[in-house]
PDB file of N, CA and C in Angstrom:
ATOM      1  N   MET A   1      -0.911  39.764  40.296  1.00  0.00           N
ATOM      2  CA  MET A   1      -0.194  39.529  41.534  1.00  0.00           C
ATOM      3  C   MET A   1       0.387  38.111  41.478  1.00  0.00           C
ATOM      4  N   ASP A   2       1.639  37.995  41.788  1.00  0.00           N
ATOM      5  CA  ASP A   2       2.322  36.695  41.776  1.00  0.00           C
ATOM      6  C   ASP A   2       2.110  36.001  43.125  1.00  0.00           C
ATOM      7  N   LEU A   3       1.406  34.878  43.091  1.00  0.00           N
ATOM      8  CA  LEU A   3       1.121  34.126  44.319  1.00  0.00           C
ATOM      9  C   LEU A   3       1.908  32.826  44.389  1.00  0.00           C
ATOM     10  N   SER A   4       2.908  32.689  43.520  1.00  0.00           N
ATOM     11  CA  SER A   4       3.658  31.432  43.453  1.00  0.00           C
ATOM     12  C   SER A   4       4.426  31.121  44.744  1.00  0.00           C
ATOM     13  N   ARG A   5       4.740  32.120  45.532  1.00  0.00           N
ATOM     14  CA  ARG A   5       5.479  31.892  46.784  1.00  0.00           C
ATOM     15  C   ARG A   5       4.591  32.042  48.018  1.00  0.00           C
ATOM     16  N   ALA A   6       3.301  32.195  47.787  1.00  0.00           N
ATOM     17  CA  ALA A   6       2.368  32.359  48.910  1.00  0.00           C
ATOM     18  C   ALA A   6       2.339  31.087  49.753  1.00  0.00           C
ATOM     19  N   VAL A   7       2.253  31.282  51.048  1.00  0.00           N
ATOM     20  CA  VAL A   7       2.127  30.167  51.987  1.00  0.00           C
ATOM     21  C   VAL A   7       0.674  30.157  52.459  1.00  0.00           C
ATOM     22  N   TRP A   8      -0.069  29.171  51.997  1.00  0.00           N
ATOM     23  CA  TRP A   8      -1.493  29.077  52.291  1.00  0.00           C
ATOM     24  C   TRP A   8      -1.729  28.299  53.581  1.00  0.00           C
ATOM     25  N   ARG A   9      -2.768  28.706  54.339  1.00  0.00           N
ATOM     26  CA  ARG A   9      -3.099  28.003  55.570  1.00  0.00           C
ATOM     27  C   ARG A   9      -4.619  27.960  55.730  1.00  0.00           C
ATOM     28  N   LYS A  10      -5.077  26.933  56.417  1.00  0.00           N
ATOM     29  CA  LYS A  10      -6.493  26.786  56.758  1.00  0.00           C
ATOM     30  C   LYS A  10      -6.640  26.922  58.264  1.00  0.00           C
ATOM     31  N   SER A  11      -7.829  27.173  58.690  1.00  0.00           N
ATOM     32  CA  SER A  11      -8.124  27.241  60.110  1.00  0.00           C
ATOM     33  C   SER A  11      -7.823  25.912  60.779  1.00  0.00           C
ATOM     34  N   THR A  12      -7.354  25.967  61.992  1.00  0.00           N
ATOM     35  CA  THR A  12      -7.141  24.737  62.754  1.00  0.00           C
ATOM     36  C   THR A  12      -8.478  24.070  63.079  1.00  0.00           C
ATOM     37  N   ARG A  13      -9.567  24.791  62.923  1.00  0.00           N
ATOM     38  CA  ARG A  13     -10.910  24.236  63.156  1.00  0.00           C
ATOM     39  C   ARG A  13     -11.502  23.624  61.892  1.00  0.00           C
ATOM     40  N   SER A  14     -10.758  23.614  60.829  1.00  0.00           N
ATOM     41  CA  SER A  14     -11.218  23.032  59.571  1.00  0.00           C
ATOM     42  C   SER A  14     -11.558  21.558  59.780  1.00  0.00           C
ATOM     43  N   GLN A  15     -12.678  21.143  59.220  1.00  0.00           N
ATOM     44  CA  GLN A  15     -13.145  19.770  59.379  1.00  0.00           C
ATOM     45  C   GLN A  15     -12.557  18.825  58.335  1.00  0.00           C
ATOM     46  N   GLY A  16     -11.847  19.332  57.339  1.00  0.00           N
ATOM     47  CA  GLY A  16     -11.256  18.485  56.323  1.00  0.00           C
ATOM     48  C   GLY A  16     -12.256  17.939  55.327  1.00  0.00           C
ATOM     49  N   ASN A  17     -13.445  18.542  55.263  1.00  0.00           N
ATOM     50  CA  ASN A  17     -14.477  18.061  54.347  1.00  0.00           C
ATOM     51  C   ASN A  17     -14.480  18.808  53.015  1.00  0.00           C
ATOM     52  N   GLY A  18     -13.486  19.636  52.786  1.00  0.00           N
ATOM     53  CA  GLY A  18     -13.388  20.370  51.531  1.00  0.00           C
ATOM     54  C   GLY A  18     -14.174  21.660  51.496  1.00  0.00           C
ATOM     55  N   ALA A  19     -14.893  21.983  52.541  1.00  0.00           N
ATOM     56  CA  ALA A  19     -15.689  23.204  52.581  1.00  0.00           C
ATOM     57  C   ALA A  19     -14.940  24.293  53.338  1.00  0.00           C
ATOM     58  N   CYS A  20     -13.725  24.574  52.901  1.00  0.00           N
ATOM     59  CA  CYS A  20     -12.871  25.517  53.618  1.00  0.00           C
ATOM     60  C   CYS A  20     -12.320  26.577  52.668  1.00  0.00           C
ATOM     61  N   VAL A  21     -11.814  27.607  53.264  1.00  0.00           N
ATOM     62  CA  VAL A  21     -11.029  28.578  52.520  1.00  0.00           C
ATOM     63  C   VAL A  21      -9.613  28.545  53.071  1.00  0.00           C
ATOM     64  N   GLU A  22      -8.680  28.962  52.245  1.00  0.00           N
ATOM     65  CA  GLU A  22      -7.287  29.085  52.660  1.00  0.00           C
ATOM     66  C   GLU A  22      -6.899  30.546  52.564  1.00  0.00           C
ATOM     67  N   VAL A  23      -6.018  30.962  53.446  1.00  0.00           N
ATOM     68  CA  VAL A  23      -5.577  32.353  53.524  1.00  0.00           C
ATOM     69  C   VAL A  23      -4.062  32.394  53.408  1.00  0.00           C
ATOM     70  N   ALA A  24      -3.569  33.400  52.698  1.00  0.00           N
ATOM     71  CA  ALA A  24      -2.122  33.625  52.604  1.00  0.00           C
ATOM     72  C   ALA A  24      -1.843  35.074  52.975  1.00  0.00           C
ATOM     73  N   ASP A  25      -0.969  35.265  53.951  1.00  0.00           N
ATOM     74  CA  ASP A  25      -0.532  36.618  54.308  1.00  0.00           C
ATOM     75  C   ASP A  25       0.594  37.004  53.366  1.00  0.00           C
ATOM     76  N   LEU A  26       0.382  38.089  52.622  1.00  0.00           N
ATOM     77  CA  LEU A  26       1.381  38.582  51.677  1.00  0.00           C
ATOM     78  C   LEU A  26       2.002  39.854  52.235  1.00  0.00           C
ATOM     79  N   ALA A  27       2.967  40.378  51.571  1.00  0.00           N
ATOM     80  CA  ALA A  27       3.663  41.569  52.073  1.00  0.00           C
ATOM     81  C   ALA A  27       2.716  42.754  52.256  1.00  0.00           C
ATOM     82  N   THR A  28       1.817  42.960  51.299  1.00  0.00           N
ATOM     83  CA  THR A  28       0.934  44.133  51.365  1.00  0.00           C
ATOM     84  C   THR A  28      -0.530  43.775  51.221  1.00  0.00           C
ATOM     85  N   ALA A  29      -0.869  42.497  51.338  1.00  0.00           N
ATOM     86  CA  ALA A  29      -2.253  42.075  51.132  1.00  0.00           C
ATOM     87  C   ALA A  29      -2.491  40.731  51.808  1.00  0.00           C
ATOM     88  N   VAL A  30      -3.762  40.338  51.801  1.00  0.00           N
ATOM     89  CA  VAL A  30      -4.165  39.022  52.280  1.00  0.00           C
ATOM     90  C   VAL A  30      -4.952  38.375  51.149  1.00  0.00           C
ATOM     91  N   ALA A  31      -4.567  37.163  50.770  1.00  0.00           N
ATOM     92  CA  ALA A  31      -5.233  36.449  49.685  1.00  0.00           C
ATOM     93  C   ALA A  31      -6.076  35.325  50.269  1.00  0.00           C
ATOM     94  N   VAL A  32      -7.216  35.065  49.620  1.00  0.00           N
ATOM     95  CA  VAL A  32      -8.141  34.026  50.076  1.00  0.00           C
ATOM     96  C   VAL A  32      -8.555  33.203  48.866  1.00  0.00           C
ATOM     97  N   ARG A  33      -8.589  31.864  49.039  1.00  0.00           N
ATOM     98  CA  ARG A  33      -9.016  30.988  47.945  1.00  0.00           C
ATOM     99  C   ARG A  33      -9.810  29.816  48.507  1.00  0.00           C
ATOM    100  N   ASP A  34     -10.529  29.150  47.631  1.00  0.00           N
ATOM    101  CA  ASP A  34     -11.288  27.947  47.964  1.00  0.00           C
ATOM    102  C   ASP A  34     -10.310  26.788  48.081  1.00  0.00           C
ATOM    103  N   SER A  35     -10.354  26.051  49.172  1.00  0.00           N
ATOM    104  CA  SER A  35      -9.397  24.963  49.376  1.00  0.00           C
ATOM    105  C   SER A  35      -9.603  23.817  48.391  1.00  0.00           C
ATOM    106  N   LYS A  36     -10.790  23.710  47.800  1.00  0.00           N
ATOM    107  CA  LYS A  36     -11.058  22.652  46.822  1.00  0.00           C
ATOM    108  C   LYS A  36     -10.514  22.995  45.439  1.00  0.00           C
ATOM    109  N   ASP A  37     -10.258  24.272  45.185  1.00  0.00           N
ATOM    110  CA  ASP A  37      -9.875  24.733  43.846  1.00  0.00           C
ATOM    111  C   ASP A  37      -8.613  25.582  43.944  1.00  0.00           C
ATOM    112  N   LYS A  38      -7.503  24.931  44.186  1.00  0.00           N
ATOM    113  CA  LYS A  38      -6.246  25.641  44.445  1.00  0.00           C
ATOM    114  C   LYS A  38      -5.730  26.445  43.248  1.00  0.00           C
ATOM    115  N   THR A  39      -6.202  26.136  42.048  1.00  0.00           N
ATOM    116  CA  THR A  39      -5.791  26.903  40.865  1.00  0.00           C
ATOM    117  C   THR A  39      -6.879  27.857  40.404  1.00  0.00           C
ATOM    118  N   GLY A  40      -7.949  27.944  41.174  1.00  0.00           N
ATOM    119  CA  GLY A  40      -9.071  28.808  40.820  1.00  0.00           C
ATOM    120  C   GLY A  40      -8.848  30.253  41.227  1.00  0.00           C
ATOM    121  N   PRO A  41      -9.921  31.023  41.224  1.00  0.00           N
ATOM    122  CA  PRO A  41      -9.814  32.441  41.543  1.00  0.00           C
ATOM    123  C   PRO A  41      -9.370  32.701  42.977  1.00  0.00           C
ATOM    124  N   VAL A  42      -8.733  33.834  43.163  1.00  0.00           N
ATOM    125  CA  VAL A  42      -8.244  34.265  44.476  1.00  0.00           C
ATOM    126  C   VAL A  42      -8.774  35.664  44.735  1.00  0.00           C
ATOM    127  N   LEU A  43      -9.279  35.878  45.922  1.00  0.00           N
ATOM    128  CA  LEU A  43      -9.685  37.215  46.347  1.00  0.00           C
ATOM    129  C   LEU A  43      -8.531  37.829  47.121  1.00  0.00           C
ATOM    130  N   VAL A  44      -8.264  39.106  46.873  1.00  0.00           N
ATOM    131  CA  VAL A  44      -7.150  39.793  47.532  1.00  0.00           C
ATOM    132  C   VAL A  44      -7.694  41.018  48.256  1.00  0.00           C
ATOM    133  N   PHE A  45      -7.338  41.134  49.522  1.00  0.00           N
ATOM    134  CA  PHE A  45      -7.804  42.222  50.365  1.00  0.00           C
ATOM    135  C   PHE A  45      -6.623  42.985  50.949  1.00  0.00           C
ATOM    136  N   THR A  46      -6.851  44.249  51.269  1.00  0.00           N
ATOM    137  CA  THR A  46      -5.840  44.991  52.011  1.00  0.00           C
ATOM    138  C   THR A  46      -5.851  44.440  53.443  1.00  0.00           C
ATOM    139  N   PRO A  47      -4.771  44.634  54.175  1.00  0.00           N
ATOM    140  CA  PRO A  47      -4.782  44.193  55.577  1.00  0.00           C
ATOM    141  C   PRO A  47      -5.932  44.815  56.378  1.00  0.00           C
ATOM    142  N   ALA A  48      -6.254  46.069  56.106  1.00  0.00           N
ATOM    143  CA  ALA A  48      -7.350  46.728  56.832  1.00  0.00           C
ATOM    144  C   ALA A  48      -8.692  46.086  56.496  1.00  0.00           C
ATOM    145  N   GLU A  49      -8.920  45.754  55.237  1.00  0.00           N
ATOM    146  CA  GLU A  49     -10.161  45.083  54.850  1.00  0.00           C
ATOM    147  C   GLU A  49     -10.271  43.714  55.509  1.00  0.00           C
ATOM    148  N   TRP A  50      -9.176  42.964  55.501  1.00  0.00           N
ATOM    149  CA  TRP A  50      -9.194  41.640  56.109  1.00  0.00           C
ATOM    150  C   TRP A  50      -9.443  41.732  57.617  1.00  0.00           C
ATOM    151  N   HIS A  51      -8.793  42.671  58.263  1.00  0.00           N
ATOM    152  CA  HIS A  51      -8.976  42.868  59.704  1.00  0.00           C
ATOM    153  C   HIS A  51     -10.444  43.189  60.007  1.00  0.00           C
ATOM    154  N   ALA A  52     -11.057  44.072  59.211  1.00  0.00           N
ATOM    155  CA  ALA A  52     -12.465  44.427  59.417  1.00  0.00           C
ATOM    156  C   ALA A  52     -13.354  43.197  59.245  1.00  0.00           C
ATOM    157  N   PHE A  53     -13.064  42.361  58.247  1.00  0.00           N
ATOM    158  CA  PHE A  53     -13.847  41.138  58.043  1.00  0.00           C
ATOM    159  C   PHE A  53     -13.707  40.193  59.230  1.00  0.00           C
ATOM    160  N   VAL A  54     -12.493  39.945  59.659  1.00  0.00           N
ATOM    161  CA  VAL A  54     -12.263  39.020  60.779  1.00  0.00           C
ATOM    162  C   VAL A  54     -12.956  39.531  62.042  1.00  0.00           C
ATOM    163  N   GLU A  55     -12.822  40.801  62.323  1.00  0.00           N
ATOM    164  CA  GLU A  55     -13.476  41.362  63.513  1.00  0.00           C
ATOM    165  C   GLU A  55     -14.989  41.253  63.404  1.00  0.00           C
ATOM    166  N   GLY A  56     -15.534  41.495  62.207  1.00  0.00           N
ATOM    167  CA  GLY A  56     -16.969  41.353  61.996  1.00  0.00           C
ATOM    168  C   GLY A  56     -17.429  39.920  62.206  1.00  0.00           C
ATOM    169  N   ALA A  57     -16.651  38.970  61.713  1.00  0.00           N
ATOM    170  CA  ALA A  57     -16.995  37.557  61.897  1.00  0.00           C
ATOM    171  C   ALA A  57     -16.966  37.184  63.368  1.00  0.00           C
ATOM    172  N   LYS A  58     -15.960  37.667  64.082  1.00  0.00           N
ATOM    173  CA  LYS A  58     -15.888  37.386  65.519  1.00  0.00           C
ATOM    174  C   LYS A  58     -17.085  37.978  66.271  1.00  0.00           C
ATOM    175  N   ALA A  59     -17.560  39.114  65.814  1.00  0.00           N
ATOM    176  CA  ALA A  59     -18.674  39.796  66.483  1.00  0.00           C
ATOM    177  C   ALA A  59     -20.043  39.243  66.051  1.00  0.00           C
ATOM    178  N   GLY A  60     -20.049  38.290  65.120  1.00  0.00           N
ATOM    179  CA  GLY A  60     -21.303  37.689  64.686  1.00  0.00           C
ATOM    180  C   GLY A  60     -22.067  38.472  63.640  1.00  0.00           C
ATOM    181  N   GLU A  61     -21.417  39.432  63.003  1.00  0.00           N
ATOM    182  CA  GLU A  61     -22.094  40.274  62.015  1.00  0.00           C
ATOM    183  C   GLU A  61     -22.619  39.493  60.807  1.00  0.00           C
ATOM    184  N   PHE A  62     -22.071  38.324  60.551  1.00  0.00           N
ATOM    185  CA  PHE A  62     -22.433  37.570  59.343  1.00  0.00           C
ATOM    186  C   PHE A  62     -23.226  36.314  59.669  1.00  0.00           C
ATOM    187  N   ASP A  63     -23.611  36.135  60.917  1.00  0.00           N
ATOM    188  CA  ASP A  63     -24.373  34.947  61.312  1.00  0.00           C
ATOM    189  C   ASP A  63     -25.720  34.923  60.583  1.00  0.00           C
ATOM    190  N   GLN A  64     -26.124  33.744  60.167  1.00  0.00           N
ATOM    191  CA  GLN A  64     -27.365  33.575  59.414  1.00  0.00           C
ATOM    192  C   GLN A  64     -28.540  33.131  60.285  1.00  0.00           C
ATOM    193  N   SER A  65     -28.361  33.047  61.563  1.00  0.00           N
ATOM    194  CA  SER A  65     -29.432  32.519  62.432  1.00  0.00           C
ATOM    195  C   SER A  65     -30.532  33.528  62.687  1.00  0.00           C
TER     196      SER A  65
END
């Protein structure tokens, strides 16, 4: 997958401490990468997979408490 034209963004709640992920909305997918390693591996999800993850995170499904 060619990500050379991807527009990456971080959460507005990012603390700027390097412990963030960046997301790029692509035509048919959503890409995610570590903000500290911009040339490193990228995870690619379908829009439905990404939506399910975001909704799960909002609902607290991944909380470690």
